[in-house]
C-alpha atoms as a PDB file:
ATOM      1  CA  UNK A   1      70.673  98.918  48.769  1.00  0.00           C
ATOM      2  CA  UNK A   2      69.795 100.510  52.283  1.00  0.00           C
ATOM      3  CA  UNK A   3      71.729 101.857  54.423  1.00  0.00           C
ATOM      4  CA  UNK A   4      71.756  99.109  57.357  1.00  0.00           C
ATOM      5  CA  UNK A   5      71.984  96.160  55.276  1.00  0.00           C
ATOM      6  CA  UNK A   6      75.263  97.956  53.954  1.00  0.00           C
ATOM      7  CA  UNK A   7      76.054  98.548  57.630  1.00  0.00           C
ATOM      8  CA  UNK A   8      75.995  94.686  57.960  1.00  0.00           C
ATOM      9  CA  UNK A   9      77.652  93.368  54.641  1.00  0.00           C
ATOM     10  CA  UNK A  10      80.443  95.464  55.672  1.00  0.00           C
ATOM     11  CA  UNK A  11      80.582  94.216  59.353  1.00  0.00           C
ATOM     12  CA  UNK A  12      79.898  90.664  58.622  1.00  0.00           C
ATOM     13  CA  UNK A  13      81.988  90.457  55.225  1.00  0.00           C
ATOM     14  CA  UNK A  14      81.255  91.503  51.955  1.00  0.00           C
ATOM     15  CA  UNK A  15      82.493  87.814  51.111  1.00  0.00           C
ATOM     16  CA  UNK A  16      80.419  86.437  53.600  1.00  0.00           C
ATOM     17  CA  UNK A  17      76.982  87.716  53.486  1.00  0.00           C
ATOM     18  CA  UNK A  18      74.938  86.689  50.289  1.00  0.00           C
ATOM     19  CA  UNK A  19      72.304  88.869  48.676  1.00  0.00           C
ATOM     20  CA  UNK A  20      68.752  87.327  47.322  1.00  0.00           C
ATOM     21  CA  UNK A  21      69.906  83.816  48.830  1.00  0.00           C
ATOM     22  CA  UNK A  22      66.839  81.142  47.580  1.00  0.00           C
ATOM     23  CA  UNK A  23      65.799  79.749  51.251  1.00  0.00           C
ATOM     24  CA  UNK A  24      64.618  76.448  49.755  1.00  0.00           C
ATOM     25  CA  UNK A  25      67.868  75.100  49.219  1.00  0.00           C
ATOM     26  CA  UNK A  26      68.446  75.307  53.341  1.00  0.00           C
ATOM     27  CA  UNK A  27      65.185  73.486  53.843  1.00  0.00           C
ATOM     28  CA  UNK A  28      64.069  69.712  53.864  1.00  0.00           C
ATOM     29  CA  UNK A  29      60.641  70.579  51.999  1.00  0.00           C
ATOM     30  CA  UNK A  30      62.494  72.731  49.483  1.00  0.00           C
ATOM     31  CA  UNK A  31      59.758  75.658  49.979  1.00  0.00           C
ATOM     32  CA  UNK A  32      61.009  79.603  50.171  1.00  0.00           C
ATOM     33  CA  UNK A  33      61.989  82.004  48.473  1.00  0.00           C
ATOM     34  CA  UNK A  34      65.174  84.713  48.471  1.00  0.00           C
ATOM     35  CA  UNK A  35      66.341  86.495  51.560  1.00  0.00           C
ATOM     36  CA  UNK A  36      67.463  89.799  51.395  1.00  0.00           C
ATOM     37  CA  UNK A  37      70.827  89.074  53.445  1.00  0.00           C
ATOM     38  CA  UNK A  38      72.231  85.182  54.327  1.00  0.00           C
ATOM     39  CA  UNK A  39      75.040  84.854  56.441  1.00  0.00           C
ATOM     40  CA  UNK A  40      76.362  81.294  57.664  1.00  0.00           C
ATOM     41  CA  UNK A  41      77.947  81.488  60.871  1.00  0.00           C
ATOM     42  CA  UNK A  42      80.335  78.799  61.184  1.00  0.00           C
ATOM     43  CA  UNK A  43      80.799  78.788  65.005  1.00  0.00           C
ATOM     44  CA  UNK A  44      79.050  80.345  68.476  1.00  0.00           C
ATOM     45  CA  UNK A  45      81.311  83.764  68.044  1.00  0.00           C
ATOM     46  CA  UNK A  46      80.136  84.183  64.412  1.00  0.00           C
ATOM     47  CA  UNK A  47      76.314  83.325  65.414  1.00  0.00           C
ATOM     48  CA  UNK A  48      76.468  86.167  68.298  1.00  0.00           C
ATOM     49  CA  UNK A  49      78.400  88.595  66.385  1.00  0.00           C
ATOM     50  CA  UNK A  50      75.503  88.534  63.490  1.00  0.00           C
ATOM     51  CA  UNK A  51      72.584  88.559  66.169  1.00  0.00           C
ATOM     52  CA  UNK A  52      74.517  91.665  67.954  1.00  0.00           C
ATOM     53  CA  UNK A  53      74.719  93.276  64.375  1.00  0.00           C
ATOM     54  CA  UNK A  54      71.347  92.670  63.137  1.00  0.00           C
ATOM     55  CA  UNK A  55      69.730  94.120  66.603  1.00  0.00           C
ATOM     56  CA  UNK A  56      71.854  96.779  66.434  1.00  0.00           C
ATOM     57  CA  UNK A  57      70.822  98.024  62.849  1.00  0.00           C
ATOM     58  CA  UNK A  58      67.483  97.173  63.710  1.00  0.00           C
ATOM     59  CA  UNK A  59      67.350  94.316  60.870  1.00  0.00           C
ATOM     60  CA  UNK A  60      64.733  91.831  61.020  1.00  0.00           C
ATOM     61  CA  UNK A  61      66.751  88.516  61.287  1.00  0.00           C
ATOM     62  CA  UNK A  62      65.890  84.484  61.343  1.00  0.00           C
ATOM     63  CA  UNK A  63      68.065  82.168  62.687  1.00  0.00           C
ATOM     64  CA  UNK A  64      67.933  78.613  60.827  1.00  0.00           C
ATOM     65  CA  UNK A  65      69.126  75.227  61.738  1.00  0.00           C
ATOM     66  CA  UNK A  66      68.824  72.304  59.857  1.00  0.00           C
ATOM     67  CA  UNK A  67      65.552  73.777  58.372  1.00  0.00           C
ATOM     68  CA  UNK A  68      63.518  70.364  59.277  1.00  0.00           C
ATOM     69  CA  UNK A  69      60.508  71.957  60.404  1.00  0.00           C
ATOM     70  CA  UNK A  70      60.608  75.061  58.625  1.00  0.00           C
ATOM     71  CA  UNK A  71      58.411  76.612  55.737  1.00  0.00           C
ATOM     72  CA  UNK A  72      59.664  79.873  54.333  1.00  0.00           C
ATOM     73  CA  UNK A  73      57.482  81.840  52.048  1.00  0.00           C
ATOM     74  CA  UNK A  74      57.482  82.340  48.231  1.00  0.00           C
ATOM     75  CA  UNK A  75      58.338  85.794  48.722  1.00  0.00           C
ATOM     76  CA  UNK A  76      61.649  85.022  50.934  1.00  0.00           C
ATOM     77  CA  UNK A  77      62.269  86.675  53.979  1.00  0.00           C
ATOM     78  CA  UNK A  78      63.036  90.163  54.485  1.00  0.00           C
ATOM     79  CA  UNK A  79      66.049  90.941  56.721  1.00  0.00           C
ATOM     80  CA  UNK A  80      68.648  88.472  57.085  1.00  0.00           C
ATOM     81  CA  UNK A  81      68.616  84.703  57.682  1.00  0.00           C
ATOM     82  CA  UNK A  82      71.720  83.431  60.091  1.00  0.00           C
ATOM     83  CA  UNK A  83      72.456  79.595  58.970  1.00  0.00           C
ATOM     84  CA  UNK A  84      73.716  78.103  62.750  1.00  0.00           C
ATOM     85  CA  UNK A  85      76.531  76.043  61.728  1.00  0.00           C
ATOM     86  CA  UNK A  86      78.293  75.982  64.844  1.00  0.00           C
ATOM     87  CA  UNK A  87      79.345  72.128  64.742  1.00  0.00           C
ATOM     88  CA  UNK A  88      81.720  71.777  68.227  1.00  0.00           C
ATOM     89  CA  UNK A  89      80.984  69.017  70.581  1.00  0.00           C
ATOM     90  CA  UNK A  90      83.375  68.674  73.617  1.00  0.00           C
ATOM     91  CA  UNK A  91      83.898  67.010  76.845  1.00  0.00           C
ATOM     92  CA  UNK A  92      83.434  68.849  79.415  1.00  0.00           C
ATOM     93  CA  UNK A  93      83.619  66.291  82.809  1.00  0.00           C
ATOM     94  CA  UNK A  94      82.067  63.374  84.457  1.00  0.00           C
ATOM     95  CA  UNK A  95      81.017  61.963  87.555  1.00  0.00           C
ATOM     96  CA  UNK A  96      81.027  58.522  89.281  1.00  0.00           C
ATOM     97  CA  UNK A  97      81.130  56.309  92.306  1.00  0.00           C
ATOM     98  CA  UNK A  98      84.577  54.970  93.858  1.00  0.00           C
ATOM     99  CA  UNK A  99      84.405  51.565  95.419  1.00  0.00           C
ATOM    100  CA  UNK A 100      87.498  51.260  97.476  1.00  0.00           C
ATOM    101  CA  UNK A 101      90.416  53.997  98.284  1.00  0.00           C
ATOM    102  CA  UNK A 102      92.156  52.594  95.110  1.00  0.00           C
ATOM    103  CA  UNK A 103      92.468  55.007  92.793  1.00  0.00           C
ATOM    104  CA  UNK A 104      92.032  52.111  90.007  1.00  0.00           C
ATOM    105  CA  UNK A 105      88.764  51.036  91.545  1.00  0.00           C
ATOM    106  CA  UNK A 106      86.582  53.457  90.439  1.00  0.00           C
ATOM    107  CA  UNK A 107      83.245  53.900  88.158  1.00  0.00           C
ATOM    108  CA  UNK A 108      82.320  56.486  85.883  1.00  0.00           C
ATOM    109  CA  UNK A 109      78.701  57.065  86.242  1.00  0.00           C
ATOM    110  CA  UNK A 110      78.300  60.342  83.999  1.00  0.00           C
ATOM    111  CA  UNK A 111      79.757  62.165  81.369  1.00  0.00           C
ATOM    112  CA  UNK A 112      78.977  65.537  80.525  1.00  0.00           C
ATOM    113  CA  UNK A 113      79.541  67.098  77.017  1.00  0.00           C
ATOM    114  CA  UNK A 114      79.114  70.941  76.158  1.00  0.00           C
ATOM    115  CA  UNK A 115      77.463  70.582  72.618  1.00  0.00           C
ATOM    116  CA  UNK A 116      77.073  73.548  69.792  1.00  0.00           C
ATOM    117  CA  UNK A 117      73.139  74.165  68.684  1.00  0.00           C
ATOM    118  CA  UNK A 118      74.315  74.049  65.170  1.00  0.00           C
ATOM    119  CA  UNK A 119      75.183  70.487  65.243  1.00  0.00           C
ATOM    120  CA  UNK A 120      73.152  68.002  64.000  1.00  0.00           C
ATOM    121  CA  UNK A 121      70.972  65.384  66.221  1.00  0.00           C
ATOM    122  CA  UNK A 122      71.854  62.646  63.617  1.00  0.00           C
ATOM    123  CA  UNK A 123      75.746  63.358  64.113  1.00  0.00           C
ATOM    124  CA  UNK A 124      75.628  63.650  68.152  1.00  0.00           C
ATOM    125  CA  UNK A 125      73.488  60.771  68.462  1.00  0.00           C
ATOM    126  CA  UNK A 126      76.240  58.809  66.507  1.00  0.00           C
ATOM    127  CA  UNK A 127      79.186  60.381  68.347  1.00  0.00           C
ATOM    128  CA  UNK A 128      77.856  59.696  71.628  1.00  0.00           C
ATOM    129  CA  UNK A 129      76.480  55.694  71.247  1.00  0.00           C
ATOM    130  CA  UNK A 130      79.930  54.664  69.505  1.00  0.00           C
ATOM    131  CA  UNK A 131      81.511  56.137  72.635  1.00  0.00           C
ATOM    132  CA  UNK A 132      79.224  53.608  75.020  1.00  0.00           C
ATOM    133  CA  UNK A 133      76.790  57.049  76.103  1.00  0.00           C
ATOM    134  CA  UNK A 134      73.352  56.265  76.876  1.00  0.00           C
ATOM    135  CA  UNK A 135      71.132  59.206  76.724  1.00  0.00           C
ATOM    136  CA  UNK A 136      69.929  59.926  72.935  1.00  0.00           C
ATOM    137  CA  UNK A 137      69.976  56.525  71.270  1.00  0.00           C
ATOM    138  CA  UNK A 138      66.602  56.984  70.461  1.00  0.00           C
ATOM    139  CA  UNK A 139      67.285  59.534  68.324  1.00  0.00           C
ATOM    140  CA  UNK A 140      68.791  58.216  65.612  1.00  0.00           C
ATOM    141  CA  UNK A 141      67.280  59.411  62.335  1.00  0.00           C
ATOM    142  CA  UNK A 142      66.227  62.050  63.983  1.00  0.00           C
ATOM    143  CA  UNK A 143      66.609  65.299  61.987  1.00  0.00           C
ATOM    144  CA  UNK A 144      67.298  68.596  62.456  1.00  0.00           C
ATOM    145  CA  UNK A 145      70.054  70.546  65.063  1.00  0.00           C
ATOM    146  CA  UNK A 146      70.322  70.485  68.829  1.00  0.00           C
ATOM    147  CA  UNK A 147      69.052  73.944  68.972  1.00  0.00           C
ATOM    148  CA  UNK A 148      65.747  72.884  67.280  1.00  0.00           C
ATOM    149  CA  UNK A 149      65.858  70.174  69.405  1.00  0.00           C
ATOM    150  CA  UNK A 150      65.462  72.425  71.959  1.00  0.00           C
ATOM    151  CA  UNK A 151      63.245  74.639  71.004  1.00  0.00           C
ATOM    152  CA  UNK A 152      60.606  72.147  70.441  1.00  0.00           C
ATOM    153  CA  UNK A 153      61.627  69.475  72.935  1.00  0.00           C
ATOM    154  CA  UNK A 154      62.369  66.641  70.533  1.00  0.00           C
ATOM    155  CA  UNK A 155      60.828  63.368  71.402  1.00  0.00           C
ATOM    156  CA  UNK A 156      60.771  59.672  70.634  1.00  0.00           C
ATOM    157  CA  UNK A 157      56.997  59.288  71.710  1.00  0.00           C
ATOM    158  CA  UNK A 158      56.911  55.540  71.377  1.00  0.00           C
ATOM    159  CA  UNK A 159      59.549  55.257  73.874  1.00  0.00           C
ATOM    160  CA  UNK A 160      58.702  58.213  75.829  1.00  0.00           C
ATOM    161  CA  UNK A 161      62.136  60.115  75.463  1.00  0.00           C
ATOM    162  CA  UNK A 162      62.909  63.749  75.214  1.00  0.00           C
ATOM    163  CA  UNK A 163      65.674  65.458  74.085  1.00  0.00           C
ATOM    164  CA  UNK A 164      65.297  68.427  77.021  1.00  0.00           C
ATOM    165  CA  UNK A 165      65.735  65.355  79.176  1.00  0.00           C
ATOM    166  CA  UNK A 166      69.438  64.816  78.815  1.00  0.00           C
ATOM    167  CA  UNK A 167      70.205  68.579  79.221  1.00  0.00           C
ATOM    168  CA  UNK A 168      71.780  70.348  82.240  1.00  0.00           C
ATOM    169  CA  UNK A 169      72.410  73.901  81.245  1.00  0.00           C
ATOM    170  CA  UNK A 170      72.317  75.940  77.804  1.00  0.00           C
ATOM    171  CA  UNK A 171      74.099  79.362  77.120  1.00  0.00           C
ATOM    172  CA  UNK A 172      71.826  81.417  74.993  1.00  0.00           C
ATOM    173  CA  UNK A 173      71.694  84.629  73.556  1.00  0.00           C
ATOM    174  CA  UNK A 174      68.855  87.249  74.775  1.00  0.00           C
ATOM    175  CA  UNK A 175      67.397  89.217  72.088  1.00  0.00           C
ATOM    176  CA  UNK A 176      68.513  93.016  73.220  1.00  0.00           C
ATOM    177  CA  UNK A 177      69.915  91.677  76.261  1.00  0.00           C
ATOM    178  CA  UNK A 178      72.876  89.198  75.602  1.00  0.00           C
ATOM    179  CA  UNK A 179      74.708  85.845  76.567  1.00  0.00           C
ATOM    180  CA  UNK A 180      73.601  84.405  79.296  1.00  0.00           C
ATOM    181  CA  UNK A 181      73.672  80.869  81.157  1.00  0.00           C
ATOM    182  CA  UNK A 182      70.402  79.315  81.872  1.00  0.00           C
ATOM    183  CA  UNK A 183      69.639  75.831  84.075  1.00  0.00           C
ATOM    184  CA  UNK A 184      67.466  73.126  82.037  1.00  0.00           C
ATOM    185  CA  UNK A 185      64.318  74.306  84.373  1.00  0.00           C
ATOM    186  CA  UNK A 186      64.328  77.680  82.696  1.00  0.00           C
ATOM    187  CA  UNK A 187      63.105  75.978  79.339  1.00  0.00           C
ATOM    188  CA  UNK A 188      59.811  74.718  80.915  1.00  0.00           C
ATOM    189  CA  UNK A 189      59.878  71.995  78.559  1.00  0.00           C
ATOM    190  CA  UNK A 190      56.814  70.085  77.605  1.00  0.00           C
ATOM    191  CA  UNK A 191      55.501  68.002  74.720  1.00  0.00           C
ATOM    192  CA  UNK A 192      56.859  70.290  71.849  1.00  0.00           C
ATOM    193  CA  UNK A 193      57.095  73.270  73.914  1.00  0.00           C
ATOM    194  CA  UNK A 194      60.007  75.014  75.120  1.00  0.00           C
ATOM    195  CA  UNK A 195      59.514  78.967  77.117  1.00  0.00           C
ATOM    196  CA  UNK A 196      61.834  79.786  73.874  1.00  0.00           C
ATOM    197  CA  UNK A 197      59.267  79.470  71.260  1.00  0.00           C
ATOM    198  CA  UNK A 198      57.621  82.709  73.332  1.00  0.00           C
ATOM    199  CA  UNK A 199      60.702  84.636  74.550  1.00  0.00           C
ATOM    200  CA  UNK A 200      62.536  84.069  71.214  1.00  0.00           C
ATOM    201  CA  UNK A 201      65.847  83.053  72.822  1.00  0.00           C
ATOM    202  CA  UNK A 202      68.572  81.574  70.877  1.00  0.00           C
ATOM    203  CA  UNK A 203      70.586  78.828  71.802  1.00  0.00           C
ATOM    204  CA  UNK A 204      74.248  78.739  71.400  1.00  0.00           C
ATOM    205  CA  UNK A 205      75.318  76.248  73.477  1.00  0.00           C
ATOM    206  CA  UNK A 206      74.209  72.815  75.830  1.00  0.00           C
ATOM    207  CA  UNK A 207      75.584  70.971  78.553  1.00  0.00           C
ATOM    208  CA  UNK A 208      73.990  67.422  78.160  1.00  0.00           C
ATOM    209  CA  UNK A 209      74.412  64.515  80.665  1.00  0.00           C
ATOM    210  CA  UNK A 210      74.718  61.020  79.554  1.00  0.00           C
ATOM    211  CA  UNK A 211      75.384  57.492  81.420  1.00  0.00           C
ATOM    212  CA  UNK A 212      77.890  54.978  80.569  1.00  0.00           C
ATOM    213  CA  UNK A 213      76.667  52.286  79.112  1.00  0.00           C
ATOM    214  CA  UNK A 214      77.420  48.665  76.424  1.00  0.00           C
ATOM    215  CA  UNK A 215      78.292  50.545  73.085  1.00  0.00           C
ATOM    216  CA  UNK A 216      76.636  47.326  71.189  1.00  0.00           C
ATOM    217  CA  UNK A 217      73.571  47.237  73.248  1.00  0.00           C
ATOM    218  CA  UNK A 218      73.228  51.085  71.967  1.00  0.00           C
ATOM    219  CA  UNK A 219      73.702  50.868  68.859  1.00  0.00           C
ATOM    220  CA  UNK A 220      71.131  48.017  69.197  1.00  0.00           C
ATOM    221  CA  UNK A 221      68.372  49.843  70.614  1.00  0.00           C
ATOM    222  CA  UNK A 222      69.715  53.177  68.090  1.00  0.00           C
ATOM    223  CA  UNK A 223      68.930  51.167  64.817  1.00  0.00           C
ATOM    224  CA  UNK A 224      65.707  49.905  66.400  1.00  0.00           C
ATOM    225  CA  UNK A 225      64.186  53.361  66.871  1.00  0.00           C
ATOM    226  CA  UNK A 226      65.832  54.212  63.204  1.00  0.00           C
ATOM    227  CA  UNK A 227      63.904  51.380  61.690  1.00  0.00           C
ATOM    228  CA  UNK A 228      60.907  52.406  63.184  1.00  0.00           C
ATOM    229  CA  UNK A 229      61.168  55.780  62.169  1.00  0.00           C
ATOM    230  CA  UNK A 230      61.487  54.664  58.519  1.00  0.00           C
ATOM    231  CA  UNK A 231      58.473  51.950  58.521  1.00  0.00           C
ATOM    232  CA  UNK A 232      56.338  54.845  59.806  1.00  0.00           C
ATOM    233  CA  UNK A 233      57.256  57.979  58.305  1.00  0.00           C
ATOM    234  CA  UNK A 234      57.470  58.597  54.950  1.00  0.00           C
ATOM    235  CA  UNK A 235      61.594  58.569  53.621  1.00  0.00           C
ATOM    236  CA  UNK A 236      63.243  60.189  50.251  1.00  0.00           C
ATOM    237  CA  UNK A 237      60.294  62.587  50.427  1.00  0.00           C
ATOM    238  CA  UNK A 238      60.778  66.481  50.633  1.00  0.00           C
ATOM    239  CA  UNK A 239      59.037  67.284  53.978  1.00  0.00           C
ATOM    240  CA  UNK A 240      59.069  69.222  56.665  1.00  0.00           C
ATOM    241  CA  UNK A 241      58.034  67.023  59.365  1.00  0.00           C
ATOM    242  CA  UNK A 242      55.244  66.331  61.074  1.00  0.00           C
ATOM    243  CA  UNK A 243      52.901  69.378  60.398  1.00  0.00           C
ATOM    244  CA  UNK A 244      50.483  69.591  63.525  1.00  0.00           C
ATOM    245  CA  UNK A 245      51.381  68.860  67.149  1.00  0.00           C
ATOM    246  CA  UNK A 246      49.642  65.568  68.889  1.00  0.00           C
ATOM    247  CA  UNK A 247      45.939  66.646  70.820  1.00  0.00           C
ATOM    248  CA  UNK A 248      45.847  66.397  74.418  1.00  0.00           C
ATOM    249  CA  UNK A 249      45.125  63.352  76.296  1.00  0.00           C
ATOM    250  CA  UNK A 250      41.999  64.618  77.653  1.00  0.00           C
ATOM    251  CA  UNK A 251      40.693  65.353  74.358  1.00  0.00           C
ATOM    252  CA  UNK A 252      41.637  61.898  72.967  1.00  0.00           C
ATOM    253  CA  UNK A 253      39.545  60.469  75.795  1.00  0.00           C
ATOM    254  CA  UNK A 254      36.787  62.765  75.078  1.00  0.00           C
ATOM    255  CA  UNK A 255      36.877  61.224  71.472  1.00  0.00           C
ATOM    256  CA  UNK A 256      37.445  57.835  72.327  1.00  0.00           C
ATOM    257  CA  UNK A 257      40.139  57.161  70.113  1.00  0.00           C
ATOM    258  CA  UNK A 258      41.211  53.604  69.280  1.00  0.00           C
ATOM    259  CA  UNK A 259      43.305  53.391  72.430  1.00  0.00           C
ATOM    260  CA  UNK A 260      43.108  56.458  73.075  1.00  0.00           C
ATOM    261  CA  UNK A 261      45.494  57.511  70.524  1.00  0.00           C
ATOM    262  CA  UNK A 262      46.788  61.434  70.227  1.00  0.00           C
ATOM    263  CA  UNK A 263      47.967  61.366  66.733  1.00  0.00           C
ATOM    264  CA  UNK A 264      47.248  64.339  64.748  1.00  0.00           C
ATOM    265  CA  UNK A 265      47.536  61.646  62.206  1.00  0.00           C
ATOM    266  CA  UNK A 266      45.033  59.628  63.188  1.00  0.00           C
ATOM    267  CA  UNK A 267      42.272  62.418  62.841  1.00  0.00           C
ATOM    268  CA  UNK A 268      43.788  63.387  59.811  1.00  0.00           C
ATOM    269  CA  UNK A 269      42.719  60.254  58.190  1.00  0.00           C
ATOM    270  CA  UNK A 270      39.414  60.002  59.915  1.00  0.00           C
ATOM    271  CA  UNK A 271      38.429  63.504  58.096  1.00  0.00           C
ATOM    272  CA  UNK A 272      40.004  61.436  54.513  1.00  0.00           C
ATOM    273  CA  UNK A 273      43.101  63.659  54.158  1.00  0.00           C
ATOM    274  CA  UNK A 274      45.456  61.354  53.570  1.00  0.00           C
ATOM    275  CA  UNK A 275      47.112  61.685  50.093  1.00  0.00           C
ATOM    276  CA  UNK A 276      44.775  65.110  49.824  1.00  0.00           C
ATOM    277  CA  UNK A 277      46.254  67.315  47.035  1.00  0.00           C
ATOM    278  CA  UNK A 278      46.442  70.777  46.470  1.00  0.00           C
ATOM    279  CA  UNK A 279      48.781  71.990  43.548  1.00  0.00           C
ATOM    280  CA  UNK A 280      52.133  70.206  44.323  1.00  0.00           C
ATOM    281  CA  UNK A 281      51.594  69.816  48.043  1.00  0.00           C
ATOM    282  CA  UNK A 282      50.076  66.579  49.356  1.00  0.00           C
ATOM    283  CA  UNK A 283      49.544  64.674  52.825  1.00  0.00           C
ATOM    284  CA  UNK A 284      51.614  61.562  52.815  1.00  0.00           C
ATOM    285  CA  UNK A 285      49.738  58.918  51.888  1.00  0.00           C
ATOM    286  CA  UNK A 286      52.019  56.733  55.054  1.00  0.00           C
ATOM    287  CA  UNK A 287      51.904  59.205  57.631  1.00  0.00           C
ATOM    288  CA  UNK A 288      48.917  61.841  57.195  1.00  0.00           C
ATOM    289  CA  UNK A 289      50.423  64.099  59.632  1.00  0.00           C
ATOM    290  CA  UNK A 290      53.348  64.814  57.283  1.00  0.00           C
ATOM    291  CA  UNK A 291      53.319  67.312  53.990  1.00  0.00           C
ATOM    292  CA  UNK A 292      55.187  66.161  51.081  1.00  0.00           C
ATOM    293  CA  UNK A 293      56.435  68.711  48.167  1.00  0.00           C
ATOM    294  CA  UNK A 294      55.605  66.752  44.938  1.00  0.00           C
ATOM    295  CA  UNK A 295      57.957  69.415  43.002  1.00  0.00           C
ATOM    296  CA  UNK A 296      57.785  73.043  42.729  1.00  0.00           C
ATOM    297  CA  UNK A 297      55.003  73.071  45.509  1.00  0.00           C
ATOM    298  CA  UNK A 298      53.869  77.406  46.658  1.00  0.00           C
ATOM    299  CA  UNK A 299      53.981  78.220  50.055  1.00  0.00           C
ATOM    300  CA  UNK A 300      49.920  79.583  49.489  1.00  0.00           C
ATOM    301  CA  UNK A 301      48.689  75.932  48.783  1.00  0.00           C
ATOM    302  CA  UNK A 302      50.374  74.716  52.097  1.00  0.00           C
ATOM    303  CA  UNK A 303      48.110  77.567  53.573  1.00  0.00           C
ATOM    304  CA  UNK A 304      44.983  76.014  52.116  1.00  0.00           C
ATOM    305  CA  UNK A 305      45.895  72.556  53.035  1.00  0.00           C
ATOM    306  CA  UNK A 306      46.126  73.726  56.346  1.00  0.00           C
ATOM    307  CA  UNK A 307      43.002  75.467  56.543  1.00  0.00           C
ATOM    308  CA  UNK A 308      41.478  72.614  54.974  1.00  0.00           C
ATOM    309  CA  UNK A 309      43.026  70.425  57.751  1.00  0.00           C
ATOM    310  CA  UNK A 310      41.700  72.762  60.471  1.00  0.00           C
ATOM    311  CA  UNK A 311      38.399  73.350  59.112  1.00  0.00           C
ATOM    312  CA  UNK A 312      37.547  69.328  58.599  1.00  0.00           C
ATOM    313  CA  UNK A 313      38.807  68.618  62.070  1.00  0.00           C
ATOM    314  CA  UNK A 314      37.361  70.877  63.945  1.00  0.00           C
ATOM    315  CA  UNK A 315      33.776  70.447  62.066  1.00  0.00           C
ATOM    316  CA  UNK A 316      34.455  66.465  62.972  1.00  0.00           C
ATOM    317  CA  UNK A 317      35.848  66.886  66.524  1.00  0.00           C
ATOM    318  CA  UNK A 318      35.421  70.093  68.088  1.00  0.00           C
ATOM    319  CA  UNK A 319      39.583  70.080  67.989  1.00  0.00           C
ATOM    320  CA  UNK A 320      41.809  73.238  67.086  1.00  0.00           C
ATOM    321  CA  UNK A 321      44.853  71.703  65.915  1.00  0.00           C
ATOM    322  CA  UNK A 322      48.117  73.639  66.777  1.00  0.00           C
ATOM    323  CA  UNK A 323      51.311  73.798  63.972  1.00  0.00           C
ATOM    324  CA  UNK A 324      54.369  71.812  64.787  1.00  0.00           C
ATOM    325  CA  UNK A 325      55.906  73.161  61.602  1.00  0.00           C
ATOM    326  CA  UNK A 326      57.291  76.718  61.691  1.00  0.00           C
ATOM    327  CA  UNK A 327      55.694  79.194  59.121  1.00  0.00           C
ATOM    328  CA  UNK A 328      57.613  82.170  58.818  1.00  0.00           C
ATOM    329  CA  UNK A 329      55.854  85.037  58.375  1.00  0.00           C
ATOM    330  CA  UNK A 330      55.377  86.755  54.993  1.00  0.00           C
ATOM    331  CA  UNK A 331      57.109  90.472  56.234  1.00  0.00           C
END
């Protein structure tokens, strides 16, 4: 074992760093080989410590959240994978309106929570809905963690809701620069996009703003969102979520798709790829934009299906599809 690895193991803890840990165990699609080093960060302090040490010894690292839109290569990862398991949800403050001078006649308008980036979206949604806090109810059933949701600006397109809409500020780790606090505008949110996809900043905690509302009403909305997700997307399958990003509205207008849909799934189905299989990886026969691992699928077959889809759609529609799923480089 090389000296930088030995230093990392020594500083993070011999009993806490795993060697040659198989990565497919930590992803929803169950593809991926061994990571040279693997460390579970139980809180934000752990996470920052691991990042700082990896940079100090110039070791390549990758921060893994829920593993729901990640596909690792069969050869694994050369360096340190940090599994972000930070899990705190804390009350931070509130604002409201007072209708009279009496302290008892006041109305709570907004509630602010500070949330670790390793918290699962589902846990956060259930926690806030149960407290009668509105803003995240449309995300029940959404896979992944808060950090991933910020990275891709997670969305419920049917309702036009984006996770980034609730964000007030965040504490991030900037590679080689350390920890800074940034406002919502820093992220330059758009559909499936945030600036940290380019800057490689790591989200540590976020402050979100939610509105007081009726708990029963919020649960009704949340369950409707979950029902719609289960009816339109494959469930009970090994998948990494949507493979490609939807196309631009201008492209849909040019192509005159039905109701000007921007759905990448529609395009994939239109070129006959629904259910298409290579090896043990296939495009779902329920929603063509989902890859399904039928068992022991190979990363190389994933790449073949991606190339096939891009070529067919480029030829038929003159559209270049962008990936939504993150393919980790074979380093």
